[in-house]
Amino acid sequence: MAKKTVVEATINGEQTEFLCEPRQSLLEVLRDVLDLTGSKEGCLTGDCGACTVIVDGRPLCSCLMLGVEAEGKTIETVEGLARPDSLHVLQQKFLEHASLQCGICTPGFLMSAKVLLEHNPKPTEAEIRYALAGNLCRCTGYDKIVRAVADAAQTLASGKARGGRLGSGPSASEQTEQFLQQQEVK
């Protein structure tokens, strides 16, 4: 067993200290050490984008970064999007547009879209497609995903969502349950 290294990073807004082996990817550390299982293991070669996280403001495939390289970095994972009382506008729009099926790719798409909207609050369809080109989906196709991101951009631009959140109200789990019940009625 290799000697473990102490790493300090800010993850989802919290100072975090963890131990990892020098060979462990950031994806392994997030999932197996920190129990942040939202980032998914897809290809382990950086081709699918399922493990995308935001590192110092840039989308990055966590399977391609070593955990020890996280030292001093600011990392955002999909777990950091929602708050106990509200979903992030991107999460809400993905639900409204039925932009997910199996869910393996969804965290990566959400994180890539978040970076896009932070840097370009009014993207064109082509710009959305370009920003999401590093994320692959084998289930839904991309139209619903692109529409969800465009709708989120409009909602953010209208000022209806503060800080990416759609105000207070039901918790994230309650909103998801309500949405699923609505879909069963249709």
C-alpha atoms as a PDB file:
ATOM      1  CA  MET A   1       0.000   0.000   0.000  1.00  0.00           C
ATOM      2  CA  ALA A   2       1.326   3.426  -0.955  1.00  0.00           C
ATOM      3  CA  LYS A   3       1.808   6.125   1.619  1.00  0.00           C
ATOM      4  CA  LYS A   4      -1.233   8.366   1.877  1.00  0.00           C
ATOM      5  CA  THR A   5      -1.067  12.123   1.476  1.00  0.00           C
ATOM      6  CA  VAL A   6      -3.066  14.723   3.385  1.00  0.00           C
ATOM      7  CA  VAL A   7      -4.890  17.053   1.003  1.00  0.00           C
ATOM      8  CA  GLU A   8      -6.786  20.219   1.879  1.00  0.00           C
ATOM      9  CA  ALA A   9      -9.322  21.663  -0.561  1.00  0.00           C
ATOM     10  CA  THR A  10     -12.567  23.588  -0.554  1.00  0.00           C
ATOM     11  CA  ILE A  11     -15.316  21.237  -1.710  1.00  0.00           C
ATOM     12  CA  ASN A  12     -18.824  22.579  -2.205  1.00  0.00           C
ATOM     13  CA  GLY A  13     -17.948  25.618  -0.115  1.00  0.00           C
ATOM     14  CA  GLU A  14     -16.507  23.712   2.841  1.00  0.00           C
ATOM     15  CA  GLN A  15     -12.852  23.399   3.832  1.00  0.00           C
ATOM     16  CA  THR A  16     -12.153  19.692   3.551  1.00  0.00           C
ATOM     17  CA  GLU A  17      -9.164  17.603   4.530  1.00  0.00           C
ATOM     18  CA  PHE A  18      -8.754  14.047   3.305  1.00  0.00           C
ATOM     19  CA  LEU A  19      -6.187  11.294   2.918  1.00  0.00           C
ATOM     20  CA  CYS A  20      -5.515   9.708  -0.449  1.00  0.00           C
ATOM     21  CA  GLU A  21      -2.934   7.599  -2.184  1.00  0.00           C
ATOM     22  CA  PRO A  22      -0.874   9.390  -4.842  1.00  0.00           C
ATOM     23  CA  ARG A  23      -2.351   7.144  -7.551  1.00  0.00           C
ATOM     24  CA  GLN A  24      -6.019   7.812  -6.704  1.00  0.00           C
ATOM     25  CA  SER A  25      -7.998   9.956  -9.095  1.00  0.00           C
ATOM     26  CA  LEU A  26     -10.106  12.829  -7.831  1.00  0.00           C
ATOM     27  CA  LEU A  27     -13.138  10.781  -8.905  1.00  0.00           C
ATOM     28  CA  GLU A  28     -12.077   7.915  -6.623  1.00  0.00           C
ATOM     29  CA  VAL A  29     -11.472  10.316  -3.753  1.00  0.00           C
ATOM     30  CA  LEU A  30     -14.831  12.034  -4.180  1.00  0.00           C
ATOM     31  CA  ARG A  31     -16.758   8.771  -4.379  1.00  0.00           C
ATOM     32  CA  ASP A  32     -14.809   6.404  -2.130  1.00  0.00           C
ATOM     33  CA  VAL A  33     -13.192   8.671   0.453  1.00  0.00           C
ATOM     34  CA  LEU A  34     -15.590  11.634   0.741  1.00  0.00           C
ATOM     35  CA  ASP A  35     -18.798   9.731  -0.121  1.00  0.00           C
ATOM     36  CA  LEU A  36     -19.763  12.305  -2.757  1.00  0.00           C
ATOM     37  CA  THR A  37     -21.176   9.806  -5.235  1.00  0.00           C
ATOM     38  CA  GLY A  38     -22.903  12.238  -7.605  1.00  0.00           C
ATOM     39  CA  SER A  39     -19.987  12.264 -10.050  1.00  0.00           C
ATOM     40  CA  LYS A  40     -20.247   9.064 -12.040  1.00  0.00           C
ATOM     41  CA  GLU A  41     -17.598   6.714 -13.341  1.00  0.00           C
ATOM     42  CA  GLY A  42     -18.103   6.271 -17.054  1.00  0.00           C
ATOM     43  CA  CYS A  43     -15.057   5.781 -19.239  1.00  0.00           C
ATOM     44  CA  LEU A  44     -12.106   6.644 -16.939  1.00  0.00           C
ATOM     45  CA  THR A  45     -10.432   8.254 -19.974  1.00  0.00           C
ATOM     46  CA  GLY A  46     -12.071  11.703 -19.978  1.00  0.00           C
ATOM     47  CA  ASP A  47     -14.204  10.948 -23.023  1.00  0.00           C
ATOM     48  CA  CYS A  48     -17.728  10.788 -21.580  1.00  0.00           C
ATOM     49  CA  GLY A  49     -17.919  13.676 -19.087  1.00  0.00           C
ATOM     50  CA  ALA A  50     -19.986  11.733 -16.527  1.00  0.00           C
ATOM     51  CA  CYS A  51     -17.462  12.624 -13.807  1.00  0.00           C
ATOM     52  CA  THR A  52     -17.288  16.356 -14.600  1.00  0.00           C
ATOM     53  CA  VAL A  53     -16.758  18.630 -11.610  1.00  0.00           C
ATOM     54  CA  ILE A  54     -15.795  22.297 -11.429  1.00  0.00           C
ATOM     55  CA  VAL A  55     -12.211  22.955 -10.305  1.00  0.00           C
ATOM     56  CA  ASP A  56     -11.288  26.593  -9.761  1.00  0.00           C
ATOM     57  CA  GLY A  57     -14.130  27.669 -12.039  1.00  0.00           C
ATOM     58  CA  ARG A  58     -13.423  25.275 -14.903  1.00  0.00           C
ATOM     59  CA  PRO A  59     -15.176  22.031 -15.820  1.00  0.00           C
ATOM     60  CA  LEU A  60     -12.844  19.075 -15.470  1.00  0.00           C
ATOM     61  CA  CYS A  61     -13.183  15.308 -15.780  1.00  0.00           C
ATOM     62  CA  SER A  62     -12.381  14.138 -12.271  1.00  0.00           C
ATOM     63  CA  CYS A  63     -11.151  10.789 -13.618  1.00  0.00           C
ATOM     64  CA  LEU A  64      -8.213  12.631 -15.208  1.00  0.00           C
ATOM     65  CA  MET A  65      -7.078  14.542 -12.132  1.00  0.00           C
ATOM     66  CA  LEU A  66      -5.240  12.989  -9.234  1.00  0.00           C
ATOM     67  CA  GLY A  67      -6.700  13.525  -5.794  1.00  0.00           C
ATOM     68  CA  VAL A  68      -3.387  14.945  -4.571  1.00  0.00           C
ATOM     69  CA  GLU A  69      -3.653  17.637  -7.249  1.00  0.00           C
ATOM     70  CA  ALA A  70      -6.729  18.990  -5.447  1.00  0.00           C
ATOM     71  CA  GLU A  71      -4.477  20.577  -2.818  1.00  0.00           C
ATOM     72  CA  GLY A  72      -5.588  24.182  -2.347  1.00  0.00           C
ATOM     73  CA  LYS A  73      -8.233  23.979  -5.080  1.00  0.00           C
ATOM     74  CA  THR A  74     -11.877  24.959  -4.977  1.00  0.00           C
ATOM     75  CA  ILE A  75     -14.037  22.082  -6.198  1.00  0.00           C
ATOM     76  CA  GLU A  76     -17.754  22.008  -6.881  1.00  0.00           C
ATOM     77  CA  THR A  77     -19.630  18.746  -7.357  1.00  0.00           C
ATOM     78  CA  VAL A  78     -23.240  18.120  -8.257  1.00  0.00           C
ATOM     79  CA  GLU A  79     -23.997  17.678  -4.554  1.00  0.00           C
ATOM     80  CA  GLY A  80     -23.220  21.375  -4.120  1.00  0.00           C
ATOM     81  CA  LEU A  81     -25.881  22.585  -6.550  1.00  0.00           C
ATOM     82  CA  ALA A  82     -29.092  22.078  -4.560  1.00  0.00           C
ATOM     83  CA  ARG A  83     -29.815  23.504  -1.142  1.00  0.00           C
ATOM     84  CA  PRO A  84     -32.036  21.777   1.420  1.00  0.00           C
ATOM     85  CA  ASP A  85     -34.903  24.102   0.523  1.00  0.00           C
ATOM     86  CA  SER A  86     -34.490  24.399  -3.259  1.00  0.00           C
ATOM     87  CA  LEU A  87     -33.053  22.889  -6.383  1.00  0.00           C
ATOM     88  CA  HIS A  88     -30.629  24.806  -8.546  1.00  0.00           C
ATOM     89  CA  VAL A  89     -32.443  26.229 -11.574  1.00  0.00           C
ATOM     90  CA  LEU A  90     -30.545  23.827 -13.863  1.00  0.00           C
ATOM     91  CA  GLN A  91     -31.729  20.831 -11.850  1.00  0.00           C
ATOM     92  CA  GLN A  92     -35.304  22.107 -11.932  1.00  0.00           C
ATOM     93  CA  LYS A  93     -35.201  22.675 -15.690  1.00  0.00           C
ATOM     94  CA  PHE A  94     -33.716  19.213 -16.282  1.00  0.00           C
ATOM     95  CA  LEU A  95     -36.705  17.785 -14.429  1.00  0.00           C
ATOM     96  CA  GLU A  96     -39.241  19.982 -16.220  1.00  0.00           C
ATOM     97  CA  HIS A  97     -37.843  19.122 -19.650  1.00  0.00           C
ATOM     98  CA  ALA A  98     -37.408  15.394 -18.862  1.00  0.00           C
ATOM     99  CA  SER A  99     -33.738  15.791 -19.766  1.00  0.00           C
ATOM    100  CA  LEU A 100     -32.579  12.644 -18.041  1.00  0.00           C
ATOM    101  CA  GLN A 101     -33.251   8.949 -18.143  1.00  0.00           C
ATOM    102  CA  CYS A 102     -30.709   6.668 -16.528  1.00  0.00           C
ATOM    103  CA  GLY A 103     -28.941   9.595 -14.799  1.00  0.00           C
ATOM    104  CA  ILE A 104     -25.338   8.526 -15.342  1.00  0.00           C
ATOM    105  CA  CYS A 105     -24.502  11.547 -17.503  1.00  0.00           C
ATOM    106  CA  THR A 106     -26.714  14.085 -15.709  1.00  0.00           C
ATOM    107  CA  PRO A 107     -24.235  15.306 -13.053  1.00  0.00           C
ATOM    108  CA  GLY A 108     -21.620  16.039 -15.712  1.00  0.00           C
ATOM    109  CA  PHE A 109     -24.091  17.881 -17.912  1.00  0.00           C
ATOM    110  CA  LEU A 110     -25.285  19.951 -14.944  1.00  0.00           C
ATOM    111  CA  MET A 111     -21.760  20.977 -13.959  1.00  0.00           C
ATOM    112  CA  SER A 112     -20.727  21.829 -17.530  1.00  0.00           C
ATOM    113  CA  ALA A 113     -23.934  23.834 -17.994  1.00  0.00           C
ATOM    114  CA  LYS A 114     -23.347  25.682 -14.721  1.00  0.00           C
ATOM    115  CA  VAL A 115     -19.935  26.862 -15.900  1.00  0.00           C
ATOM    116  CA  LEU A 116     -21.392  27.888 -19.265  1.00  0.00           C
ATOM    117  CA  LEU A 117     -24.141  30.001 -17.685  1.00  0.00           C
ATOM    118  CA  GLU A 118     -21.703  31.612 -15.240  1.00  0.00           C
ATOM    119  CA  HIS A 119     -19.530  32.769 -18.145  1.00  0.00           C
ATOM    120  CA  ASN A 120     -22.244  33.297 -20.758  1.00  0.00           C
ATOM    121  CA  PRO A 121     -25.655  34.050 -19.259  1.00  0.00           C
ATOM    122  CA  LYS A 122     -27.403  34.257 -22.657  1.00  0.00           C
ATOM    123  CA  PRO A 123     -25.919  31.460 -24.770  1.00  0.00           C
ATOM    124  CA  THR A 124     -27.166  30.559 -28.213  1.00  0.00           C
ATOM    125  CA  GLU A 125     -28.160  26.971 -28.979  1.00  0.00           C
ATOM    126  CA  ALA A 126     -24.840  26.488 -30.770  1.00  0.00           C
ATOM    127  CA  GLU A 127     -22.931  27.784 -27.735  1.00  0.00           C
ATOM    128  CA  ILE A 128     -24.856  25.435 -25.435  1.00  0.00           C
ATOM    129  CA  ARG A 129     -24.134  22.470 -27.691  1.00  0.00           C
ATOM    130  CA  TYR A 130     -20.451  23.422 -27.872  1.00  0.00           C
ATOM    131  CA  ALA A 131     -20.155  23.792 -24.078  1.00  0.00           C
ATOM    132  CA  LEU A 132     -21.775  20.382 -23.558  1.00  0.00           C
ATOM    133  CA  ALA A 133     -19.824  18.610 -26.313  1.00  0.00           C
ATOM    134  CA  GLY A 134     -17.562  16.928 -23.748  1.00  0.00           C
ATOM    135  CA  ASN A 135     -20.550  15.189 -22.154  1.00  0.00           C
ATOM    136  CA  LEU A 136     -22.068  12.108 -23.742  1.00  0.00           C
ATOM    137  CA  CYS A 137     -25.578  10.738 -23.262  1.00  0.00           C
ATOM    138  CA  ARG A 138     -26.571   7.325 -24.546  1.00  0.00           C
ATOM    139  CA  CYS A 139     -30.253   7.555 -23.548  1.00  0.00           C
ATOM    140  CA  THR A 140     -31.993  10.849 -24.247  1.00  0.00           C
ATOM    141  CA  GLY A 141     -30.304  12.422 -27.178  1.00  0.00           C
ATOM    142  CA  TYR A 142     -29.417  16.035 -26.611  1.00  0.00           C
ATOM    143  CA  ASP A 143     -32.410  18.177 -27.584  1.00  0.00           C
ATOM    144  CA  LYS A 144     -34.118  18.015 -24.188  1.00  0.00           C
ATOM    145  CA  ILE A 145     -30.839  18.736 -22.427  1.00  0.00           C
ATOM    146  CA  VAL A 146     -30.144  21.749 -24.666  1.00  0.00           C
ATOM    147  CA  ARG A 147     -33.703  23.041 -24.161  1.00  0.00           C
ATOM    148  CA  ALA A 148     -33.347  22.682 -20.375  1.00  0.00           C
ATOM    149  CA  VAL A 149     -30.114  24.685 -20.351  1.00  0.00           C
ATOM    150  CA  ALA A 150     -31.636  27.381 -22.597  1.00  0.00           C
ATOM    151  CA  ASP A 151     -34.685  27.580 -20.319  1.00  0.00           C
ATOM    152  CA  ALA A 152     -32.448  27.843 -17.250  1.00  0.00           C
ATOM    153  CA  ALA A 153     -30.539  30.684 -18.936  1.00  0.00           C
ATOM    154  CA  GLN A 154     -33.817  32.528 -19.595  1.00  0.00           C
ATOM    155  CA  THR A 155     -34.978  32.012 -16.010  1.00  0.00           C
ATOM    156  CA  LEU A 156     -31.677  33.285 -14.632  1.00  0.00           C
ATOM    157  CA  ALA A 157     -31.732  36.283 -17.006  1.00  0.00           C
ATOM    158  CA  SER A 158     -35.299  37.149 -15.946  1.00  0.00           C
ATOM    159  CA  GLY A 159     -34.201  37.411 -12.315  1.00  0.00           C
ATOM    160  CA  LYS A 160     -36.673  34.720 -11.192  1.00  0.00           C
ATOM    161  CA  ALA A 161     -33.831  32.631  -9.810  1.00  0.00           C
ATOM    162  CA  ARG A 162     -31.528  34.223  -7.258  1.00  0.00           C
ATOM    163  CA  GLY A 163     -28.125  32.626  -6.924  1.00  0.00           C
ATOM    164  CA  GLY A 164     -29.260  29.874  -9.291  1.00  0.00           C
ATOM    165  CA  ARG A 165     -32.141  28.957  -6.975  1.00  0.00           C
ATOM    166  CA  LEU A 166     -35.835  29.253  -7.721  1.00  0.00           C
ATOM    167  CA  GLY A 167     -36.727  30.824  -4.374  1.00  0.00           C
ATOM    168  CA  SER A 168     -37.838  29.074  -1.242  1.00  0.00           C
ATOM    169  CA  GLY A 169     -40.530  26.452  -1.109  1.00  0.00           C
ATOM    170  CA  PRO A 170     -40.577  22.687  -1.028  1.00  0.00           C
ATOM    171  CA  SER A 171     -37.321  20.858  -0.394  1.00  0.00           C
ATOM    172  CA  ALA A 172     -35.395  19.367  -3.316  1.00  0.00           C
ATOM    173  CA  SER A 173     -36.751  15.891  -2.546  1.00  0.00           C
ATOM    174  CA  GLU A 174     -40.308  17.228  -2.239  1.00  0.00           C
ATOM    175  CA  GLN A 175     -39.972  19.035  -5.581  1.00  0.00           C
ATOM    176  CA  THR A 176     -38.714  15.869  -7.230  1.00  0.00           C
ATOM    177  CA  GLU A 177     -41.577  13.843  -5.752  1.00  0.00           C
ATOM    178  CA  GLN A 178     -44.121  16.449  -6.909  1.00  0.00           C
ATOM    179  CA  PHE A 179     -42.656  16.432 -10.408  1.00  0.00           C
ATOM    180  CA  LEU A 180     -42.756  12.626 -10.618  1.00  0.00           C
ATOM    181  CA  GLN A 181     -46.360  12.593  -9.427  1.00  0.00           C
ATOM    182  CA  GLN A 182     -47.282  15.172 -12.092  1.00  0.00           C
ATOM    183  CA  GLN A 183     -45.702  12.999 -14.758  1.00  0.00           C
ATOM    184  CA  GLU A 184     -47.730   9.983 -13.635  1.00  0.00           C
ATOM    185  CA  VAL A 185     -50.947  11.994 -14.014  1.00  0.00           C
ATOM    186  CA  LYS A 186     -50.126  12.951 -17.616  1.00  0.00           C
END
